[in-house]
Amino acid sequence: MKKPDIHEDVFPTAEDDVGVARLAPDTAQTRSGSYRLAYDDENFLLRDELRPARLQLEFLKPELLQQEYGIHSTVVIFGSARIVDEEAAKKHFHAMEEQVDANPDDPALLRKLEISERIL
């Protein structure tokens, strides 16, 4: 006799939970972000405090996909494609500084400047 999978017989799926939550009546309470399920709330998932959880998911996602496709082992090769020589890094950093000076309130440019500085 086959042992039943506990997940099939006892627990609803995540999709089931989301579906049930969406059936809730439209009230001030249910429109509140605090009422949404955590894993169905993008604003919650993107909080800085959840970066470790997102990182864990980034590791878990390819692992689960490989298991689904029957991939049991892989080879990973690390290259140096992201390593920039110092002169090119300096040029990029100074170009980013000029762009930020021209647009000091642009958060995307400020972020790019920070990245450029770390690369340098």
PDB file of N, CA and C in Angstrom:
ATOM      1  N   MET A   1       0.835  -1.182   0.000  1.00  0.00           N
ATOM      2  CA  MET A   1       0.000   0.000   0.000  1.00  0.00           C
ATOM      3  C   MET A   1       0.883   1.250   0.000  1.00  0.00           C
ATOM      4  N   LYS A   2       0.599   2.201  -0.912  1.00  0.00           N
ATOM      5  CA  LYS A   2       1.381   3.425  -1.035  1.00  0.00           C
ATOM      6  C   LYS A   2       1.072   4.371   0.122  1.00  0.00           C
ATOM      7  N   LYS A   3       2.131   4.869   0.722  1.00  0.00           N
ATOM      8  CA  LYS A   3       1.974   5.827   1.813  1.00  0.00           C
ATOM      9  C   LYS A   3       1.505   7.156   1.215  1.00  0.00           C
ATOM     10  N   PRO A   4       0.408   7.727   1.718  1.00  0.00           N
ATOM     11  CA  PRO A   4      -0.093   8.989   1.153  1.00  0.00           C
ATOM     12  C   PRO A   4       0.875  10.137   1.423  1.00  0.00           C
ATOM     13  N   ASP A   5       0.986  11.037   0.456  1.00  0.00           N
ATOM     14  CA  ASP A   5       1.801  12.237   0.624  1.00  0.00           C
ATOM     15  C   ASP A   5       1.031  13.189   1.527  1.00  0.00           C
ATOM     16  N   ILE A   6       1.637  13.541   2.659  1.00  0.00           N
ATOM     17  CA  ILE A   6       0.937  14.377   3.643  1.00  0.00           C
ATOM     18  C   ILE A   6       0.517  15.712   3.043  1.00  0.00           C
ATOM     19  N   HIS A   7       1.304  16.222   2.101  1.00  0.00           N
ATOM     20  CA  HIS A   7       0.973  17.506   1.497  1.00  0.00           C
ATOM     21  C   HIS A   7      -0.269  17.407   0.610  1.00  0.00           C
ATOM     22  N   GLU A   8      -0.498  16.275   0.022  1.00  0.00           N
ATOM     23  CA  GLU A   8      -1.667  16.109  -0.841  1.00  0.00           C
ATOM     24  C   GLU A   8      -2.943  15.957  -0.030  1.00  0.00           C
ATOM     25  N   ASP A   9      -2.855  15.346   1.109  1.00  0.00           N
ATOM     26  CA  ASP A   9      -4.057  14.989   1.862  1.00  0.00           C
ATOM     27  C   ASP A   9      -4.429  15.958   2.977  1.00  0.00           C
ATOM     28  N   VAL A  10      -3.476  16.715   3.500  1.00  0.00           N
ATOM     29  CA  VAL A  10      -3.750  17.503   4.688  1.00  0.00           C
ATOM     30  C   VAL A  10      -3.668  19.011   4.440  1.00  0.00           C
ATOM     31  N   PHE A  11      -2.602  19.447   3.812  1.00  0.00           N
ATOM     32  CA  PHE A  11      -2.347  20.873   3.704  1.00  0.00           C
ATOM     33  C   PHE A  11      -2.777  21.434   2.348  1.00  0.00           C
ATOM     34  N   PRO A  12      -3.404  22.615   2.357  1.00  0.00           N
ATOM     35  CA  PRO A  12      -3.715  23.257   1.081  1.00  0.00           C
ATOM     36  C   PRO A  12      -2.418  23.788   0.452  1.00  0.00           C
ATOM     37  N   THR A  13      -2.445  23.983  -0.839  1.00  0.00           N
ATOM     38  CA  THR A  13      -1.273  24.547  -1.513  1.00  0.00           C
ATOM     39  C   THR A  13      -1.223  26.050  -1.273  1.00  0.00           C
ATOM     40  N   ALA A  14      -0.094  26.643  -1.593  1.00  0.00           N
ATOM     41  CA  ALA A  14       0.023  28.096  -1.477  1.00  0.00           C
ATOM     42  C   ALA A  14      -0.992  28.780  -2.379  1.00  0.00           C
ATOM     43  N   GLU A  15      -1.207  28.220  -3.568  1.00  0.00           N
ATOM     44  CA  GLU A  15      -2.201  28.788  -4.487  1.00  0.00           C
ATOM     45  C   GLU A  15      -3.605  28.728  -3.877  1.00  0.00           C
ATOM     46  N   ASP A  16      -3.911  27.607  -3.188  1.00  0.00           N
ATOM     47  CA  ASP A  16      -5.205  27.490  -2.510  1.00  0.00           C
ATOM     48  C   ASP A  16      -5.363  28.586  -1.454  1.00  0.00           C
ATOM     49  N   ASP A  17      -4.312  28.810  -0.670  1.00  0.00           N
ATOM     50  CA  ASP A  17      -4.369  29.832   0.378  1.00  0.00           C
ATOM     51  C   ASP A  17      -4.609  31.220  -0.213  1.00  0.00           C
ATOM     52  N   VAL A  18      -3.907  31.526  -1.289  1.00  0.00           N
ATOM     53  CA  VAL A  18      -4.079  32.827  -1.934  1.00  0.00           C
ATOM     54  C   VAL A  18      -5.498  32.949  -2.475  1.00  0.00           C
ATOM     55  N   GLY A  19      -5.996  31.898  -3.093  1.00  0.00           N
ATOM     56  CA  GLY A  19      -7.348  31.924  -3.626  1.00  0.00           C
ATOM     57  C   GLY A  19      -8.390  32.164  -2.559  1.00  0.00           C
ATOM     58  N   VAL A  20      -8.246  31.507  -1.423  1.00  0.00           N
ATOM     59  CA  VAL A  20      -9.186  31.692  -0.313  1.00  0.00           C
ATOM     60  C   VAL A  20      -9.086  33.124   0.223  1.00  0.00           C
ATOM     61  N   ALA A  21      -7.878  33.633   0.353  1.00  0.00           N
ATOM     62  CA  ALA A  21      -7.711  35.002   0.861  1.00  0.00           C
ATOM     63  C   ALA A  21      -8.362  36.012  -0.074  1.00  0.00           C
ATOM     64  N   ARG A  22      -8.311  35.759  -1.365  1.00  0.00           N
ATOM     65  CA  ARG A  22      -8.915  36.681  -2.334  1.00  0.00           C
ATOM     66  C   ARG A  22     -10.439  36.612  -2.324  1.00  0.00           C
ATOM     67  N   LEU A  23     -10.998  35.588  -1.729  1.00  0.00           N
ATOM     68  CA  LEU A  23     -12.456  35.472  -1.628  1.00  0.00           C
ATOM     69  C   LEU A  23     -13.021  36.267  -0.448  1.00  0.00           C
ATOM     70  N   ALA A  24     -12.140  36.791   0.392  1.00  0.00           N
ATOM     71  CA  ALA A  24     -12.589  37.550   1.556  1.00  0.00           C
ATOM     72  C   ALA A  24     -13.380  38.772   1.090  1.00  0.00           C
ATOM     73  N   PRO A  25     -14.370  39.179   1.851  1.00  0.00           N
ATOM     74  CA  PRO A  25     -15.175  40.347   1.455  1.00  0.00           C
ATOM     75  C   PRO A  25     -14.316  41.604   1.382  1.00  0.00           C
ATOM     76  N   ASP A  26     -14.715  42.536   0.526  1.00  0.00           N
ATOM     77  CA  ASP A  26     -13.986  43.787   0.345  1.00  0.00           C
ATOM     78  C   ASP A  26     -14.362  44.745   1.474  1.00  0.00           C
ATOM     79  N   THR A  27     -13.455  44.861   2.442  1.00  0.00           N
ATOM     80  CA  THR A  27     -13.665  45.762   3.575  1.00  0.00           C
ATOM     81  C   THR A  27     -12.393  46.569   3.776  1.00  0.00           C
ATOM     82  N   ALA A  28     -12.454  47.563   4.629  1.00  0.00           N
ATOM     83  CA  ALA A  28     -11.256  48.353   4.940  1.00  0.00           C
ATOM     84  C   ALA A  28     -10.151  47.444   5.481  1.00  0.00           C
ATOM     85  N   GLN A  29     -10.534  46.475   6.271  1.00  0.00           N
ATOM     86  CA  GLN A  29      -9.555  45.553   6.851  1.00  0.00           C
ATOM     87  C   GLN A  29      -8.891  44.718   5.766  1.00  0.00           C
ATOM     88  N   THR A  30      -9.665  44.132   4.862  1.00  0.00           N
ATOM     89  CA  THR A  30      -9.079  43.244   3.853  1.00  0.00           C
ATOM     90  C   THR A  30      -8.314  44.016   2.789  1.00  0.00           C
ATOM     91  N   ARG A  31      -8.554  45.316   2.655  1.00  0.00           N
ATOM     92  CA  ARG A  31      -7.772  46.122   1.709  1.00  0.00           C
ATOM     93  C   ARG A  31      -6.424  46.510   2.294  1.00  0.00           C
ATOM     94  N   SER A  32      -6.260  46.374   3.586  1.00  0.00           N
ATOM     95  CA  SER A  32      -5.009  46.716   4.253  1.00  0.00           C
ATOM     96  C   SER A  32      -3.910  45.740   3.852  1.00  0.00           C
ATOM     97  N   GLY A  33      -2.698  46.266   3.642  1.00  0.00           N
ATOM     98  CA  GLY A  33      -1.554  45.415   3.309  1.00  0.00           C
ATOM     99  C   GLY A  33      -1.239  44.400   4.390  1.00  0.00           C
ATOM    100  N   SER A  34      -1.569  44.723   5.641  1.00  0.00           N
ATOM    101  CA  SER A  34      -1.288  43.785   6.738  1.00  0.00           C
ATOM    102  C   SER A  34      -2.175  42.553   6.677  1.00  0.00           C
ATOM    103  N   TYR A  35      -3.252  42.611   5.917  1.00  0.00           N
ATOM    104  CA  TYR A  35      -4.164  41.476   5.806  1.00  0.00           C
ATOM    105  C   TYR A  35      -3.700  40.469   4.757  1.00  0.00           C
ATOM    106  N   ARG A  36      -2.900  40.932   3.787  1.00  0.00           N
ATOM    107  CA  ARG A  36      -2.445  40.036   2.713  1.00  0.00           C
ATOM    108  C   ARG A  36      -1.474  38.989   3.247  1.00  0.00           C
ATOM    109  N   LEU A  37      -1.507  37.823   2.616  1.00  0.00           N
ATOM    110  CA  LEU A  37      -0.541  36.782   2.960  1.00  0.00           C
ATOM    111  C   LEU A  37       0.860  37.289   2.626  1.00  0.00           C
ATOM    112  N   ALA A  38       1.814  37.002   3.476  1.00  0.00           N
ATOM    113  CA  ALA A  38       3.167  37.535   3.305  1.00  0.00           C
ATOM    114  C   ALA A  38       3.760  37.182   1.941  1.00  0.00           C
ATOM    115  N   TYR A  39       3.587  35.937   1.503  1.00  0.00           N
ATOM    116  CA  TYR A  39       4.208  35.523   0.249  1.00  0.00           C
ATOM    117  C   TYR A  39       3.445  35.997  -0.972  1.00  0.00           C
ATOM    118  N   ASP A  40       2.293  36.656  -0.768  1.00  0.00           N
ATOM    119  CA  ASP A  40       1.520  37.223  -1.879  1.00  0.00           C
ATOM    120  C   ASP A  40       1.549  38.754  -1.827  1.00  0.00           C
ATOM    121  N   ASP A  41       2.439  39.306  -1.031  1.00  0.00           N
ATOM    122  CA  ASP A  41       2.531  40.749  -0.830  1.00  0.00           C
ATOM    123  C   ASP A  41       3.906  41.234  -1.278  1.00  0.00           C
ATOM    124  N   GLU A  42       3.976  41.724  -2.509  1.00  0.00           N
ATOM    125  CA  GLU A  42       5.264  42.141  -3.077  1.00  0.00           C
ATOM    126  C   GLU A  42       5.921  43.254  -2.258  1.00  0.00           C
ATOM    127  N   ASN A  43       5.139  44.226  -1.786  1.00  0.00           N
ATOM    128  CA  ASN A  43       5.711  45.308  -0.977  1.00  0.00           C
ATOM    129  C   ASN A  43       6.394  44.758   0.272  1.00  0.00           C
ATOM    130  N   PHE A  44       5.796  43.764   0.885  1.00  0.00           N
ATOM    131  CA  PHE A  44       6.395  43.142   2.063  1.00  0.00           C
ATOM    132  C   PHE A  44       7.667  42.382   1.686  1.00  0.00           C
ATOM    133  N   LEU A  45       7.591  41.577   0.625  1.00  0.00           N
ATOM    134  CA  LEU A  45       8.742  40.761   0.220  1.00  0.00           C
ATOM    135  C   LEU A  45       9.950  41.595  -0.179  1.00  0.00           C
ATOM    136  N   LEU A  46       9.725  42.818  -0.646  1.00  0.00           N
ATOM    137  CA  LEU A  46      10.822  43.658  -1.112  1.00  0.00           C
ATOM    138  C   LEU A  46      11.416  44.546  -0.016  1.00  0.00           C
ATOM    139  N   ARG A  47      10.977  44.373   1.218  1.00  0.00           N
ATOM    140  CA  ARG A  47      11.555  45.148   2.319  1.00  0.00           C
ATOM    141  C   ARG A  47      13.026  44.778   2.503  1.00  0.00           C
ATOM    142  N   ASP A  48      13.832  45.760   2.888  1.00  0.00           N
ATOM    143  CA  ASP A  48      15.264  45.517   3.101  1.00  0.00           C
ATOM    144  C   ASP A  48      15.514  44.423   4.135  1.00  0.00           C
ATOM    145  N   GLU A  49      14.656  44.357   5.153  1.00  0.00           N
ATOM    146  CA  GLU A  49      14.855  43.361   6.212  1.00  0.00           C
ATOM    147  C   GLU A  49      14.711  41.933   5.701  1.00  0.00           C
ATOM    148  N   LEU A  50      14.075  41.758   4.555  1.00  0.00           N
ATOM    149  CA  LEU A  50      13.856  40.415   4.021  1.00  0.00           C
ATOM    150  C   LEU A  50      14.906  39.999   2.998  1.00  0.00           C
ATOM    151  N   ARG A  51      15.952  40.795   2.852  1.00  0.00           N
ATOM    152  CA  ARG A  51      17.013  40.439   1.903  1.00  0.00           C
ATOM    153  C   ARG A  51      17.573  39.036   2.163  1.00  0.00           C
ATOM    154  N   PRO A  52      17.833  38.642   3.427  1.00  0.00           N
ATOM    155  CA  PRO A  52      18.330  37.274   3.653  1.00  0.00           C
ATOM    156  C   PRO A  52      17.350  36.205   3.166  1.00  0.00           C
ATOM    157  N   ALA A  53      16.068  36.432   3.362  1.00  0.00           N
ATOM    158  CA  ALA A  53      15.072  35.450   2.898  1.00  0.00           C
ATOM    159  C   ALA A  53      15.055  35.387   1.376  1.00  0.00           C
ATOM    160  N   ARG A  54      15.157  36.558   0.723  1.00  0.00           N
ATOM    161  CA  ARG A  54      15.186  36.565  -0.749  1.00  0.00           C
ATOM    162  C   ARG A  54      16.438  35.867  -1.267  1.00  0.00           C
ATOM    163  N   LEU A  55      17.568  36.080  -0.589  1.00  0.00           N
ATOM    164  CA  LEU A  55      18.807  35.419  -0.993  1.00  0.00           C
ATOM    165  C   LEU A  55      18.665  33.903  -0.867  1.00  0.00           C
ATOM    166  N   GLN A  56      18.060  33.452   0.211  1.00  0.00           N
ATOM    167  CA  GLN A  56      17.834  32.018   0.390  1.00  0.00           C
ATOM    168  C   GLN A  56      16.955  31.474  -0.734  1.00  0.00           C
ATOM    169  N   LEU A  57      15.928  32.211  -1.123  1.00  0.00           N
ATOM    170  CA  LEU A  57      15.065  31.791  -2.230  1.00  0.00           C
ATOM    171  C   LEU A  57      15.835  31.737  -3.546  1.00  0.00           C
ATOM    172  N   GLU A  58      16.783  32.670  -3.736  1.00  0.00           N
ATOM    173  CA  GLU A  58      17.587  32.657  -4.968  1.00  0.00           C
ATOM    174  C   GLU A  58      18.443  31.388  -5.053  1.00  0.00           C
ATOM    175  N   PHE A  59      18.884  30.882  -3.922  1.00  0.00           N
ATOM    176  CA  PHE A  59      19.631  29.620  -3.916  1.00  0.00           C
ATOM    177  C   PHE A  59      18.698  28.424  -4.100  1.00  0.00           C
ATOM    178  N   LEU A  60      17.538  28.496  -3.495  1.00  0.00           N
ATOM    179  CA  LEU A  60      16.604  27.377  -3.514  1.00  0.00           C
ATOM    180  C   LEU A  60      15.937  27.188  -4.878  1.00  0.00           C
ATOM    181  N   LYS A  61      15.626  28.285  -5.556  1.00  0.00           N
ATOM    182  CA  LYS A  61      14.892  28.202  -6.827  1.00  0.00           C
ATOM    183  C   LYS A  61      15.607  27.320  -7.857  1.00  0.00           C
ATOM    184  N   PRO A  62      16.883  27.570  -8.180  1.00  0.00           N
ATOM    185  CA  PRO A  62      17.519  26.701  -9.176  1.00  0.00           C
ATOM    186  C   PRO A  62      17.666  25.257  -8.694  1.00  0.00           C
ATOM    187  N   GLU A  63      17.853  25.073  -7.399  1.00  0.00           N
ATOM    188  CA  GLU A  63      17.963  23.719  -6.860  1.00  0.00           C
ATOM    189  C   GLU A  63      16.680  22.935  -7.111  1.00  0.00           C
ATOM    190  N   LEU A  64      15.536  23.548  -6.810  1.00  0.00           N
ATOM    191  CA  LEU A  64      14.256  22.873  -7.017  1.00  0.00           C
ATOM    192  C   LEU A  64      13.984  22.631  -8.506  1.00  0.00           C
ATOM    193  N   LEU A  65      14.301  23.617  -9.334  1.00  0.00           N
ATOM    194  CA  LEU A  65      14.097  23.441 -10.780  1.00  0.00           C
ATOM    195  C   LEU A  65      14.958  22.306 -11.323  1.00  0.00           C
ATOM    196  N   GLN A  66      16.193  22.224 -10.872  1.00  0.00           N
ATOM    197  CA  GLN A  66      17.064  21.129 -11.325  1.00  0.00           C
ATOM    198  C   GLN A  66      16.519  19.785 -10.864  1.00  0.00           C
ATOM    199  N   GLN A  67      16.017  19.719  -9.660  1.00  0.00           N
ATOM    200  CA  GLN A  67      15.419  18.469  -9.189  1.00  0.00           C
ATOM    201  C   GLN A  67      14.225  18.087 -10.053  1.00  0.00           C
ATOM    202  N   GLU A  68      13.383  19.065 -10.416  1.00  0.00           N
ATOM    203  CA  GLU A  68      12.221  18.790 -11.261  1.00  0.00           C
ATOM    204  C   GLU A  68      12.628  18.207 -12.611  1.00  0.00           C
ATOM    205  N   TYR A  69      13.754  18.651 -13.133  1.00  0.00           N
ATOM    206  CA  TYR A  69      14.215  18.179 -14.433  1.00  0.00           C
ATOM    207  C   TYR A  69      15.156  16.977 -14.336  1.00  0.00           C
ATOM    208  N   GLY A  70      15.334  16.447 -13.129  1.00  0.00           N
ATOM    209  CA  GLY A  70      16.153  15.260 -12.957  1.00  0.00           C
ATOM    210  C   GLY A  70      17.650  15.529 -13.036  1.00  0.00           C
ATOM    211  N   ILE A  71      18.059  16.763 -12.830  1.00  0.00           N
ATOM    212  CA  ILE A  71      19.491  17.120 -12.843  1.00  0.00           C
ATOM    213  C   ILE A  71      20.033  16.882 -11.440  1.00  0.00           C
ATOM    214  N   HIS A  72      20.988  15.956 -11.342  1.00  0.00           N
ATOM    215  CA  HIS A  72      21.501  15.577 -10.026  1.00  0.00           C
ATOM    216  C   HIS A  72      22.853  16.192  -9.697  1.00  0.00           C
ATOM    217  N   SER A  73      23.581  16.634 -10.704  1.00  0.00           N
ATOM    218  CA  SER A  73      24.866  17.272 -10.432  1.00  0.00           C
ATOM    219  C   SER A  73      25.172  18.267 -11.552  1.00  0.00           C
ATOM    220  N   THR A  74      25.938  19.261 -11.215  1.00  0.00           N
ATOM    221  CA  THR A  74      26.318  20.289 -12.178  1.00  0.00           C
ATOM    222  C   THR A  74      27.774  20.669 -11.960  1.00  0.00           C
ATOM    223  N   VAL A  75      28.316  21.399 -12.910  1.00  0.00           N
ATOM    224  CA  VAL A  75      29.655  21.970 -12.789  1.00  0.00           C
ATOM    225  C   VAL A  75      29.493  23.476 -12.925  1.00  0.00           C
ATOM    226  N   VAL A  76      30.066  24.210 -12.001  1.00  0.00           N
ATOM    227  CA  VAL A  76      29.991  25.667 -12.041  1.00  0.00           C
ATOM    228  C   VAL A  76      31.391  26.198 -12.314  1.00  0.00           C
ATOM    229  N   ILE A  77      31.481  27.082 -13.300  1.00  0.00           N
ATOM    230  CA  ILE A  77      32.764  27.695 -13.643  1.00  0.00           C
ATOM    231  C   ILE A  77      32.656  29.183 -13.375  1.00  0.00           C
ATOM    232  N   PHE A  78      33.540  29.670 -12.534  1.00  0.00           N
ATOM    233  CA  PHE A  78      33.548  31.093 -12.225  1.00  0.00           C
ATOM    234  C   PHE A  78      34.577  31.770 -13.115  1.00  0.00           C
ATOM    235  N   GLY A  79      34.173  32.843 -13.747  1.00  0.00           N
ATOM    236  CA  GLY A  79      35.072  33.576 -14.628  1.00  0.00           C
ATOM    237  C   GLY A  79      35.347  34.962 -14.094  1.00  0.00           C
ATOM    238  N   SER A  80      36.071  35.723 -14.867  1.00  0.00           N
ATOM    239  CA  SER A  80      36.455  37.066 -14.435  1.00  0.00           C
ATOM    240  C   SER A  80      35.786  38.145 -15.279  1.00  0.00           C
ATOM    241  N   ALA A  81      34.659  37.840 -15.865  1.00  0.00           N
ATOM    242  CA  ALA A  81      33.982  38.785 -16.747  1.00  0.00           C
ATOM    243  C   ALA A  81      33.574  40.068 -16.025  1.00  0.00           C
ATOM    244  N   ARG A  82      33.381  40.014 -14.730  1.00  0.00           N
ATOM    245  CA  ARG A  82      32.924  41.202 -14.005  1.00  0.00           C
ATOM    246  C   ARG A  82      34.086  42.003 -13.427  1.00  0.00           C
ATOM    247  N   ILE A  83      35.302  41.512 -13.577  1.00  0.00           N
ATOM    248  CA  ILE A  83      36.450  42.235 -13.048  1.00  0.00           C
ATOM    249  C   ILE A  83      36.892  43.256 -14.088  1.00  0.00           C
ATOM    250  N   VAL A  84      36.871  44.519 -13.680  1.00  0.00           N
ATOM    251  CA  VAL A  84      37.217  45.619 -14.577  1.00  0.00           C
ATOM    252  C   VAL A  84      38.603  46.112 -14.216  1.00  0.00           C
ATOM    253  N   ASP A  85      39.412  46.431 -15.239  1.00  0.00           N
ATOM    254  CA  ASP A  85      40.742  46.955 -14.921  1.00  0.00           C
ATOM    255  C   ASP A  85      40.592  48.332 -14.276  1.00  0.00           C
ATOM    256  N   GLU A  86      41.600  48.731 -13.520  1.00  0.00           N
ATOM    257  CA  GLU A  86      41.511  49.945 -12.697  1.00  0.00           C
ATOM    258  C   GLU A  86      41.251  51.196 -13.532  1.00  0.00           C
ATOM    259  N   GLU A  87      41.907  51.317 -14.671  1.00  0.00           N
ATOM    260  CA  GLU A  87      41.735  52.514 -15.502  1.00  0.00           C
ATOM    261  C   GLU A  87      40.290  52.643 -16.006  1.00  0.00           C
ATOM    262  N   ALA A  88      39.709  51.532 -16.463  1.00  0.00           N
ATOM    263  CA  ALA A  88      38.319  51.560 -16.939  1.00  0.00           C
ATOM    264  C   ALA A  88      37.366  51.861 -15.787  1.00  0.00           C
ATOM    265  N   ALA A  89      37.663  51.323 -14.608  1.00  0.00           N
ATOM    266  CA  ALA A  89      36.815  51.581 -13.439  1.00  0.00           C
ATOM    267  C   ALA A  89      36.864  53.056 -13.055  1.00  0.00           C
ATOM    268  N   LYS A  90      38.037  53.666 -13.125  1.00  0.00           N
ATOM    269  CA  LYS A  90      38.165  55.092 -12.814  1.00  0.00           C
ATOM    270  C   LYS A  90      37.368  55.936 -13.804  1.00  0.00           C
ATOM    271  N   LYS A  91      37.486  55.609 -15.096  1.00  0.00           N
ATOM    272  CA  LYS A  91      36.762  56.364 -16.123  1.00  0.00           C
ATOM    273  C   LYS A  91      35.259  56.268 -15.895  1.00  0.00           C
ATOM    274  N   HIS A  92      34.786  55.065 -15.603  1.00  0.00           N
ATOM    275  CA  HIS A  92      33.352  54.876 -15.380  1.00  0.00           C
ATOM    276  C   HIS A  92      32.896  55.635 -14.140  1.00  0.00           C
ATOM    277  N   PHE A  93      33.696  55.583 -13.086  1.00  0.00           N
ATOM    278  CA  PHE A  93      33.345  56.286 -11.849  1.00  0.00           C
ATOM    279  C   PHE A  93      33.249  57.786 -12.084  1.00  0.00           C
ATOM    280  N   HIS A  94      34.236  58.367 -12.799  1.00  0.00           N
ATOM    281  CA  HIS A  94      34.219  59.811 -13.057  1.00  0.00           C
ATOM    282  C   HIS A  94      33.051  60.196 -13.968  1.00  0.00           C
ATOM    283  N   ALA A  95      32.716  59.338 -14.917  1.00  0.00           N
ATOM    284  CA  ALA A  95      31.557  59.605 -15.777  1.00  0.00           C
ATOM    285  C   ALA A  95      30.267  59.590 -14.958  1.00  0.00           C
ATOM    286  N   MET A  96      30.176  58.652 -14.013  1.00  0.00           N
ATOM    287  CA  MET A  96      28.993  58.590 -13.159  1.00  0.00           C
ATOM    288  C   MET A  96      28.918  59.816 -12.245  1.00  0.00           C
ATOM    289  N   GLU A  97      30.070  60.274 -11.754  1.00  0.00           N
ATOM    290  CA  GLU A  97      30.087  61.482 -10.925  1.00  0.00           C
ATOM    291  C   GLU A  97      29.540  62.679 -11.701  1.00  0.00           C
ATOM    292  N   GLU A  98      29.930  62.795 -12.970  1.00  0.00           N
ATOM    293  CA  GLU A  98      29.448  63.900 -13.803  1.00  0.00           C
ATOM    294  C   GLU A  98      27.939  63.806 -14.006  1.00  0.00           C
ATOM    295  N   GLN A  99      27.442  62.601 -14.230  1.00  0.00           N
ATOM    296  CA  GLN A  99      26.004  62.429 -14.420  1.00  0.00           C
ATOM    297  C   GLN A  99      25.233  62.785 -13.153  1.00  0.00           C
ATOM    298  N   VAL A 100      25.769  62.386 -12.003  1.00  0.00           N
ATOM    299  CA  VAL A 100      25.108  62.690 -10.725  1.00  0.00           C
ATOM    300  C   VAL A 100      25.172  64.190 -10.452  1.00  0.00           C
ATOM    301  N   ASP A 101      26.293  64.830 -10.799  1.00  0.00           N
ATOM    302  CA  ASP A 101      26.387  66.280 -10.615  1.00  0.00           C
ATOM    303  C   ASP A 101      25.326  66.999 -11.440  1.00  0.00           C
ATOM    304  N   ALA A 102      25.041  66.476 -12.637  1.00  0.00           N
ATOM    305  CA  ALA A 102      24.035  67.082 -13.510  1.00  0.00           C
ATOM    306  C   ALA A 102      22.610  66.767 -13.041  1.00  0.00           C
ATOM    307  N   ASN A 103      22.430  65.628 -12.369  1.00  0.00           N
ATOM    308  CA  ASN A 103      21.108  65.188 -11.896  1.00  0.00           C
ATOM    309  C   ASN A 103      21.213  64.674 -10.462  1.00  0.00           C
ATOM    310  N   PRO A 104      21.458  65.544  -9.493  1.00  0.00           N
ATOM    311  CA  PRO A 104      21.728  65.078  -8.122  1.00  0.00           C
ATOM    312  C   PRO A 104      20.544  64.416  -7.408  1.00  0.00           C
ATOM    313  N   ASP A 105      19.346  64.578  -7.930  1.00  0.00           N
ATOM    314  CA  ASP A 105      18.176  64.008  -7.264  1.00  0.00           C
ATOM    315  C   ASP A 105      17.701  62.704  -7.896  1.00  0.00           C
ATOM    316  N   ASP A 106      18.468  62.170  -8.836  1.00  0.00           N
ATOM    317  CA  ASP A 106      18.074  60.939  -9.534  1.00  0.00           C
ATOM    318  C   ASP A 106      18.563  59.727  -8.730  1.00  0.00           C
ATOM    319  N   PRO A 107      17.640  58.998  -8.069  1.00  0.00           N
ATOM    320  CA  PRO A 107      18.065  57.871  -7.227  1.00  0.00           C
ATOM    321  C   PRO A 107      18.742  56.757  -8.026  1.00  0.00           C
ATOM    322  N   ALA A 108      18.345  56.553  -9.270  1.00  0.00           N
ATOM    323  CA  ALA A 108      18.970  55.501 -10.086  1.00  0.00           C
ATOM    324  C   ALA A 108      20.429  55.842 -10.354  1.00  0.00           C
ATOM    325  N   LEU A 109      20.693  57.114 -10.652  1.00  0.00           N
ATOM    326  CA  LEU A 109      22.082  57.526 -10.889  1.00  0.00           C
ATOM    327  C   LEU A 109      22.907  57.439  -9.610  1.00  0.00           C
ATOM    328  N   LEU A 110      22.320  57.821  -8.483  1.00  0.00           N
ATOM    329  CA  LEU A 110      23.038  57.722  -7.205  1.00  0.00           C
ATOM    330  C   LEU A 110      23.410  56.275  -6.906  1.00  0.00           C
ATOM    331  N   ARG A 111      22.495  55.367  -7.194  1.00  0.00           N
ATOM    332  CA  ARG A 111      22.763  53.931  -6.980  1.00  0.00           C
ATOM    333  C   ARG A 111      23.891  53.463  -7.895  1.00  0.00           C
ATOM    334  N   LYS A 112      23.852  53.890  -9.168  1.00  0.00           N
ATOM    335  CA  LYS A 112      24.911  53.506 -10.114  1.00  0.00           C
ATOM    336  C   LYS A 112      26.256  54.063  -9.689  1.00  0.00           C
ATOM    337  N   LEU A 113      26.248  55.264  -9.134  1.00  0.00           N
ATOM    338  CA  LEU A 113      27.505  55.855  -8.635  1.00  0.00           C
ATOM    339  C   LEU A 113      28.061  55.033  -7.481  1.00  0.00           C
ATOM    340  N   GLU A 114      27.193  54.608  -6.564  1.00  0.00           N
ATOM    341  CA  GLU A 114      27.629  53.755  -5.443  1.00  0.00           C
ATOM    342  C   GLU A 114      28.248  52.461  -5.945  1.00  0.00           C
ATOM    343  N   ILE A 115      27.603  51.852  -6.921  1.00  0.00           N
ATOM    344  CA  ILE A 115      28.119  50.594  -7.482  1.00  0.00           C
ATOM    345  C   ILE A 115      29.461  50.831  -8.143  1.00  0.00           C
ATOM    346  N   SER A 116      29.553  51.913  -8.911  1.00  0.00           N
ATOM    347  CA  SER A 116      30.799  52.238  -9.594  1.00  0.00           C
ATOM    348  C   SER A 116      31.939  52.460  -8.594  1.00  0.00           C
ATOM    349  N   GLU A 117      31.604  53.107  -7.487  1.00  0.00           N
ATOM    350  CA  GLU A 117      32.614  53.345  -6.452  1.00  0.00           C
ATOM    351  C   GLU A 117      33.098  52.041  -5.834  1.00  0.00           C
ATOM    352  N   ARG A 118      32.161  51.103  -5.588  1.00  0.00           N
ATOM    353  CA  ARG A 118      32.561  49.802  -5.023  1.00  0.00           C
ATOM    354  C   ARG A 118      33.435  49.018  -6.012  1.00  0.00           C
ATOM    355  N   ILE A 119      33.084  49.100  -7.289  1.00  0.00           N
ATOM    356  CA  ILE A 119      33.884  48.383  -8.298  1.00  0.00           C
ATOM    357  C   ILE A 119      35.301  48.948  -8.329  1.00  0.00           C
ATOM    358  N   LEU A 120      35.384  50.282  -8.231  1.00  0.00           N
ATOM    359  CA  LEU A 120      36.705  50.941  -8.234  1.00  0.00           C
ATOM    360  C   LEU A 120      37.498  50.523  -7.009  1.00  0.00           C
TER     361      LEU A 120
END
